[in-house]
Amino acid sequence: MTDETCQWQGWREATERALYGPGGFYLRPEGPAGHFRTSVHASPLFAAAVARLLGEVARELGTAEVDLVDVGAGRGELLTAVLAAVGPSLSVRAYAVERAARPDGLDPRVEWTDRVPRGVRGLLFANEWLDNVPADVAETDTTGTVRYVEVRTDGTERLGAPVSGPDADWLARWWPLREPGARAEIGRPRDEAWAAAVASLAAGRAVAVDYAHVRETRPPFGSLTGFRAGREVPPVPDGSCDVTSHVALDACGAAPGGGGLPAAELVTQREALRRLGVSGGRPPLALASTDPAGYVRALASAGEAAELTARGGLGDFLWLTQRVPGTAR
């Protein structure tokens, strides 16, 4: 084995290198869409719903000029679709936040940046971003001590030092580990990343959409996994696959130290999209005789909506929303 393969690291450091280091998984030309299907890729109904949400935010702010920030923008697919769906009454300044290079042919209205812009007035939207903010993994050993899990580039694991300090405090509050073999992803870096994203808003809403769980339903052995070419694979941090884990979104939405962040709302994607007019209901059968082509289109749309809102699938994603009050310009 090479020296790099033999090196032991915490999962946070190993994931950072595997996803975003030289030759990292998320810097590849094909982008995330080459390996897995998100709500953005499943149906244009998703982008249309985000466009309606952006319109709601603009009305709340009393403006026809609004910012849209897509954090973890992939190759700009969501922004491209939202800009196409927004009506002429709204002027949108679009920002794609992504560590990969700007793709060729992207709409020139989109500003490409590797960091969240500050002073935004509008909507900050993060679809499947936080699950790829690297996090350390902890496991309880046979004596009941919670330890960091270390990993080599080939995926081999061992238990390392006891978890201490802020990481131990986070586990005690959000994901207590009591039984030998119990595992958790330590979500503190995700909390901090989300808090910084919300703080970038001068006014508007911040929305995070992700595979997620809450304190009452944490997976007993964690959720760390890998994806490659549309298939779930072992999480090997060598750059060959995505390395991801579900997000403790209830922790992300809580204010660090008891203050500083606006109140959070947490709902399923099924409920969030229903509020935005995406229900998955079948069109009336009578339409088939009066407008056959329209019925076929409506039926296809209903199928796409059903996928976006399905139980046991995309509909179980959680939407975390935090509002930042502002005054009209």
Protein backbone atom coordinates (compact mmCIF):
# COMPACT_ATOMS: atom_id res chain seq x y z
CA MET A 1 0.00 0.00 0.00
CA THR A 2 1.05 3.61 -0.52
CA ASP A 3 1.78 5.89 2.42
CA GLU A 4 -1.45 7.78 1.67
CA THR A 5 -3.50 4.57 1.72
CA CYS A 6 -1.95 3.58 5.06
CA GLN A 7 -2.61 6.94 6.70
CA TRP A 8 -5.31 6.99 9.37
CA GLN A 9 -7.60 10.05 9.45
CA GLY A 10 -10.89 11.06 11.00
CA TRP A 11 -13.85 10.76 8.64
CA ARG A 12 -14.23 14.53 8.42
CA GLU A 13 -10.71 15.05 7.10
CA ALA A 14 -10.85 11.98 4.86
CA THR A 15 -14.20 13.05 3.34
CA GLU A 16 -12.99 16.58 2.71
CA ARG A 17 -10.05 15.23 0.72
CA ALA A 18 -12.11 12.62 -1.12
CA LEU A 19 -14.85 15.00 -2.21
CA TYR A 20 -13.07 18.32 -2.65
CA GLY A 21 -9.33 17.67 -2.77
CA PRO A 22 -7.28 17.25 -5.97
CA GLY A 23 -9.25 14.93 -8.25
CA GLY A 24 -12.08 14.91 -5.71
CA PHE A 25 -15.44 13.37 -6.51
CA TYR A 26 -17.35 16.67 -6.62
CA LEU A 27 -14.80 18.36 -8.85
CA ARG A 28 -15.28 15.87 -11.71
CA PRO A 29 -16.68 17.22 -14.99
CA GLU A 30 -19.86 15.10 -14.90
CA GLY A 31 -20.95 16.61 -11.58
CA PRO A 32 -23.41 15.03 -9.13
CA ALA A 33 -26.01 14.37 -11.87
CA GLY A 34 -23.66 11.80 -13.36
CA HIS A 35 -24.00 9.63 -10.26
CA PHE A 36 -27.33 10.13 -8.51
CA ARG A 37 -30.79 11.57 -9.02
CA THR A 38 -31.99 14.47 -6.89
CA SER A 39 -35.36 16.22 -6.84
CA VAL A 40 -33.90 18.79 -9.24
CA HIS A 41 -33.26 16.07 -11.83
CA ALA A 42 -36.48 14.14 -11.13
CA SER A 43 -38.89 16.76 -12.47
CA PRO A 44 -39.14 20.40 -13.59
CA LEU A 45 -41.98 20.65 -11.06
CA PHE A 46 -39.36 21.00 -8.35
CA ALA A 47 -37.77 24.07 -9.92
CA ALA A 48 -41.22 25.51 -10.62
CA ALA A 49 -42.04 25.13 -6.92
CA VAL A 50 -38.80 26.89 -5.97
CA ALA A 51 -39.72 29.68 -8.41
CA ARG A 52 -43.08 30.07 -6.64
CA LEU A 53 -41.28 30.11 -3.30
CA LEU A 54 -38.98 32.84 -4.61
CA GLY A 55 -42.05 34.84 -5.61
CA GLU A 56 -43.45 34.47 -2.09
CA VAL A 57 -40.21 35.77 -0.61
CA ALA A 58 -40.19 38.74 -3.00
CA ARG A 59 -43.74 39.65 -1.97
CA GLU A 60 -42.81 39.40 1.70
CA LEU A 61 -39.91 41.78 1.08
CA GLY A 62 -42.08 44.12 -0.98
CA THR A 63 -39.77 44.06 -3.98
CA ALA A 64 -39.68 42.92 -7.61
CA GLU A 65 -35.89 42.53 -7.42
CA VAL A 66 -34.80 39.50 -5.45
CA ASP A 67 -31.67 37.42 -4.88
CA LEU A 68 -31.55 33.63 -5.30
CA VAL A 69 -28.57 31.76 -3.87
CA ASP A 70 -28.21 28.05 -4.68
CA VAL A 71 -25.73 26.50 -2.23
CA GLY A 72 -24.21 23.28 -3.51
CA ALA A 73 -25.33 24.19 -7.00
CA GLY A 74 -23.95 21.14 -8.84
CA ARG A 75 -23.63 22.35 -12.41
CA GLY A 76 -26.33 25.01 -12.13
CA GLU A 77 -29.29 22.81 -13.07
CA LEU A 78 -31.69 24.22 -10.45
CA LEU A 79 -30.83 27.86 -11.11
CA THR A 80 -31.20 27.38 -14.86
CA ALA A 81 -34.65 25.86 -14.41
CA VAL A 82 -35.82 28.44 -11.86
CA LEU A 83 -34.76 31.35 -14.08
CA ALA A 84 -36.76 29.78 -16.91
CA ALA A 85 -39.81 29.35 -14.66
CA VAL A 86 -39.86 32.83 -13.09
CA GLY A 87 -42.33 35.22 -14.68
CA PRO A 88 -41.39 38.59 -16.23
CA SER A 89 -42.61 40.50 -13.19
CA LEU A 90 -39.63 39.35 -11.11
CA SER A 91 -36.00 40.39 -11.58
CA VAL A 92 -33.65 37.74 -10.17
CA ARG A 93 -29.97 38.02 -9.25
CA ALA A 94 -28.79 34.40 -9.23
CA TYR A 95 -25.73 33.06 -7.40
CA ALA A 96 -24.41 29.51 -7.73
CA VAL A 97 -22.25 28.50 -4.76
CA GLU A 98 -20.09 25.54 -5.76
CA ARG A 99 -16.46 24.47 -5.38
CA ALA A 100 -16.24 22.97 -8.86
CA ALA A 101 -15.42 25.13 -11.88
CA ARG A 102 -18.16 27.02 -13.69
CA PRO A 103 -19.64 24.77 -16.40
CA ASP A 104 -19.54 25.80 -20.04
CA GLY A 105 -22.73 27.26 -21.45
CA LEU A 106 -24.29 28.27 -18.13
CA ASP A 107 -26.79 31.13 -18.27
CA PRO A 108 -24.70 34.33 -18.09
CA ARG A 109 -27.12 35.74 -15.51
CA VAL A 110 -25.77 33.25 -12.98
CA GLU A 111 -22.84 34.45 -10.88
CA TRP A 112 -20.55 31.50 -10.05
CA THR A 113 -18.76 31.63 -6.69
CA ASP A 114 -17.13 29.27 -4.22
CA ARG A 115 -18.51 31.04 -1.16
CA VAL A 116 -21.92 32.22 0.01
CA PRO A 117 -22.41 35.93 -0.82
CA ARG A 118 -23.28 38.25 2.05
CA GLY A 119 -26.03 40.82 2.33
CA VAL A 120 -28.47 38.76 0.26
CA ARG A 121 -32.11 39.84 0.13
CA GLY A 122 -34.18 36.95 -1.09
CA LEU A 123 -33.99 33.16 -0.99
CA LEU A 124 -31.01 31.03 -0.04
CA PHE A 125 -31.75 27.44 -1.12
CA ALA A 126 -29.54 24.46 -0.28
CA ASN A 127 -30.72 21.21 -1.86
CA GLU A 128 -28.69 18.20 -0.70
CA TRP A 129 -25.77 20.36 0.38
CA LEU A 130 -25.47 19.71 4.11
CA ASP A 131 -25.20 15.93 3.67
CA ASN A 132 -21.90 16.58 1.90
CA VAL A 133 -20.47 18.89 4.55
CA PRO A 134 -17.86 16.50 5.97
CA ALA A 135 -18.49 15.22 9.49
CA ASP A 136 -16.56 13.02 11.88
CA VAL A 137 -17.97 9.65 12.89
CA ALA A 138 -18.12 8.40 16.49
CA GLU A 139 -18.63 4.89 17.85
CA THR A 140 -19.05 3.49 21.37
CA ASP A 141 -16.45 0.88 22.27
CA THR A 142 -16.98 -2.24 24.41
CA THR A 143 -16.33 -0.30 27.62
CA GLY A 144 -18.91 2.40 26.82
CA THR A 145 -16.37 5.04 25.79
CA VAL A 146 -17.37 7.08 22.72
CA ARG A 147 -14.44 7.30 20.32
CA TYR A 148 -13.71 8.87 16.95
CA VAL A 149 -13.71 6.44 14.04
CA GLU A 150 -10.56 6.67 11.92
CA VAL A 151 -10.36 5.50 8.34
CA ARG A 152 -7.78 4.81 5.64
CA THR A 153 -8.18 5.65 1.99
CA ASP A 154 -9.16 2.05 1.23
CA GLY A 155 -12.09 2.29 3.68
CA THR A 156 -10.55 0.26 6.51
CA GLU A 157 -11.65 1.63 9.92
CA ARG A 158 -10.42 1.58 13.50
CA LEU A 159 -11.42 3.33 16.73
CA GLY A 160 -9.30 6.30 17.73
CA ALA A 161 -9.21 8.76 20.61
CA PRO A 162 -12.18 9.42 22.91
CA VAL A 163 -14.55 12.14 21.69
CA SER A 164 -14.17 15.27 23.82
CA GLY A 165 -14.85 19.00 23.92
CA PRO A 166 -17.52 20.56 21.67
CA ASP A 167 -17.98 17.29 19.75
CA ALA A 168 -18.80 15.43 22.96
CA ASP A 169 -21.18 18.22 23.97
CA TRP A 170 -22.91 18.00 20.60
CA LEU A 171 -23.38 14.23 20.91
CA ALA A 172 -24.72 14.55 24.43
CA ARG A 173 -27.35 17.05 23.30
CA TRP A 174 -28.29 15.76 19.87
CA TRP A 175 -27.22 12.12 19.45
CA PRO A 176 -26.39 10.30 22.71
CA LEU A 177 -24.53 7.02 22.20
CA ARG A 178 -25.02 4.46 24.95
CA GLU A 179 -24.71 0.93 23.58
CA PRO A 180 -21.42 -0.65 22.42
CA GLY A 181 -21.22 -0.46 18.64
CA ALA A 182 -23.63 2.48 18.37
CA ARG A 183 -22.45 5.06 15.83
CA ALA A 184 -23.22 8.66 14.95
CA GLU A 185 -22.13 11.34 12.53
CA ILE A 186 -21.10 14.39 14.56
CA GLY A 187 -23.14 17.16 12.97
CA ARG A 188 -21.44 20.17 14.52
CA PRO A 189 -19.67 21.24 11.26
CA ARG A 190 -23.04 21.15 9.49
CA ASP A 191 -24.64 23.27 12.20
CA GLU A 192 -21.87 25.81 11.79
CA ALA A 193 -22.06 25.79 7.99
CA TRP A 194 -25.82 26.31 8.09
CA ALA A 195 -25.58 29.09 10.70
CA ALA A 196 -23.08 30.91 8.48
CA ALA A 197 -25.36 30.51 5.46
CA VAL A 198 -28.37 31.92 7.33
CA ALA A 199 -26.24 34.78 8.64
CA SER A 200 -25.42 35.77 5.05
CA LEU A 201 -29.01 36.87 4.54
CA ALA A 202 -29.89 40.51 5.09
CA ALA A 203 -33.55 39.57 4.65
CA GLY A 204 -35.58 36.70 3.26
CA ARG A 205 -35.61 32.95 3.81
CA ALA A 206 -33.01 30.22 4.05
CA VAL A 207 -34.15 26.71 3.12
CA ALA A 208 -32.17 23.47 3.45
CA VAL A 209 -33.53 20.30 1.85
CA ASP A 210 -31.89 16.99 2.66
CA TYR A 211 -31.94 13.38 3.71
CA ALA A 212 -32.41 13.98 7.41
CA HIS A 213 -33.51 12.74 10.81
CA VAL A 214 -34.45 14.24 14.17
CA ARG A 215 -33.40 13.33 17.69
CA GLU A 216 -36.22 10.85 18.24
CA THR A 217 -35.42 8.89 15.08
CA ARG A 218 -31.62 8.80 14.81
CA PRO A 219 -30.32 5.67 13.06
CA PRO A 220 -28.61 3.52 15.74
CA PHE A 221 -25.54 2.82 13.61
CA GLY A 222 -25.34 6.10 11.71
CA SER A 223 -26.05 6.57 8.02
CA LEU A 224 -22.64 6.96 6.40
CA THR A 225 -22.66 5.56 2.87
CA GLY A 226 -21.35 6.04 -0.66
CA PHE A 227 -22.88 6.51 -4.11
CA ARG A 228 -21.41 5.93 -7.54
CA ALA A 229 -23.13 5.82 -10.95
CA GLY A 230 -26.58 5.61 -9.42
CA ARG A 231 -25.77 2.78 -7.00
CA GLU A 232 -25.20 2.75 -3.25
CA VAL A 233 -21.66 1.54 -2.49
CA PRO A 234 -19.44 1.28 0.59
CA PRO A 235 -18.14 4.71 1.70
CA VAL A 236 -14.52 4.53 0.59
CA PRO A 237 -12.80 7.95 0.86
CA ASP A 238 -10.55 7.62 -2.18
CA GLY A 239 -12.38 10.04 -4.49
CA SER A 240 -14.09 7.28 -6.46
CA CYS A 241 -17.55 7.79 -4.94
CA ASP A 242 -19.74 10.23 -3.09
CA VAL A 243 -19.37 10.01 0.71
CA THR A 244 -22.52 11.17 2.42
CA SER A 245 -24.69 10.79 5.51
CA HIS A 246 -28.11 11.98 6.58
CA VAL A 247 -28.34 15.34 8.36
CA ALA A 248 -29.48 16.10 11.91
CA LEU A 249 -31.55 19.02 10.62
CA ASP A 250 -33.15 19.69 13.99
CA ALA A 251 -29.66 20.48 15.31
CA CYS A 252 -28.91 22.70 12.30
CA GLY A 253 -32.06 24.70 12.98
CA ALA A 254 -31.28 25.29 16.65
CA ALA A 255 -29.44 28.46 17.60
CA PRO A 256 -25.90 27.78 18.91
CA GLY A 257 -25.74 28.69 22.57
CA GLY A 258 -29.47 29.42 22.68
CA GLY A 259 -29.58 32.52 20.52
CA GLY A 260 -28.58 34.18 17.27
CA LEU A 261 -30.63 32.32 14.63
CA PRO A 262 -34.24 32.99 13.67
CA ALA A 263 -36.88 30.40 14.57
CA ALA A 264 -36.88 27.32 12.37
CA GLU A 265 -39.64 25.29 10.74
CA LEU A 266 -39.08 21.65 9.82
CA VAL A 267 -41.51 19.82 7.50
CA THR A 268 -41.34 16.96 5.04
CA GLN A 269 -40.81 17.65 1.35
CA ARG A 270 -44.26 16.19 0.81
CA GLU A 271 -45.80 18.96 2.92
CA ALA A 272 -43.49 21.72 1.64
CA LEU A 273 -44.31 20.95 -2.00
CA ARG A 274 -48.02 20.60 -1.27
CA ARG A 275 -47.97 24.18 0.03
CA LEU A 276 -46.32 25.20 -3.23
CA GLY A 277 -48.93 23.51 -5.40
CA VAL A 278 -47.28 20.12 -6.05
CA SER A 279 -49.59 17.36 -4.84
CA GLY A 280 -49.27 14.30 -7.08
CA GLY A 281 -53.05 14.00 -7.50
CA ARG A 282 -54.29 12.36 -10.72
CA PRO A 283 -56.15 14.55 -13.24
CA PRO A 284 -59.93 14.00 -13.56
CA LEU A 285 -60.76 11.16 -15.90
CA ALA A 286 -63.29 13.36 -17.70
CA LEU A 287 -60.37 15.35 -19.11
CA ALA A 288 -59.36 12.30 -21.15
CA SER A 289 -62.43 12.64 -23.36
CA THR A 290 -62.52 16.45 -23.61
CA ASP A 291 -58.76 17.03 -23.99
CA PRO A 292 -56.85 13.77 -24.54
CA ALA A 293 -53.48 15.47 -25.07
CA GLY A 294 -54.00 17.65 -22.01
CA TYR A 295 -54.93 14.57 -19.99
CA VAL A 296 -51.71 12.80 -21.00
CA ARG A 297 -49.66 15.86 -20.03
CA ALA A 298 -51.47 16.17 -16.71
CA LEU A 299 -51.00 12.45 -16.05
CA ALA A 300 -47.26 12.70 -16.70
CA SER A 301 -47.04 15.72 -14.40
CA ALA A 302 -48.95 13.85 -11.71
CA GLY A 303 -46.46 10.98 -11.97
CA GLU A 304 -43.53 13.34 -11.53
CA ALA A 305 -45.25 15.03 -8.59
CA ALA A 306 -45.88 11.63 -7.03
CA GLU A 307 -42.16 10.83 -7.22
CA LEU A 308 -41.25 14.14 -5.58
CA THR A 309 -43.71 13.57 -2.73
CA ALA A 310 -43.52 9.77 -2.33
CA ARG A 311 -43.43 8.20 1.11
CA GLY A 312 -40.26 6.20 1.55
CA GLY A 313 -38.58 8.30 -1.14
CA LEU A 314 -38.06 11.96 -2.01
CA GLY A 315 -41.20 12.99 -0.15
CA ASP A 316 -39.55 12.01 3.14
CA PHE A 317 -36.78 14.56 2.72
CA LEU A 318 -36.96 17.31 5.32
CA TRP A 319 -37.14 21.04 4.55
CA LEU A 320 -35.62 23.35 7.16
CA THR A 321 -36.79 26.95 6.75
CA GLN A 322 -35.57 29.99 8.63
CA ARG A 323 -36.90 33.48 8.01
CA VAL A 324 -34.80 36.62 8.33
CA PRO A 325 -37.13 39.62 8.64
CA GLY A 326 -36.38 42.72 6.55
CA THR A 327 -37.99 45.91 5.40
CA ALA A 328 -39.14 46.81 1.91
CA ARG A 329 -36.68 48.70 -0.25
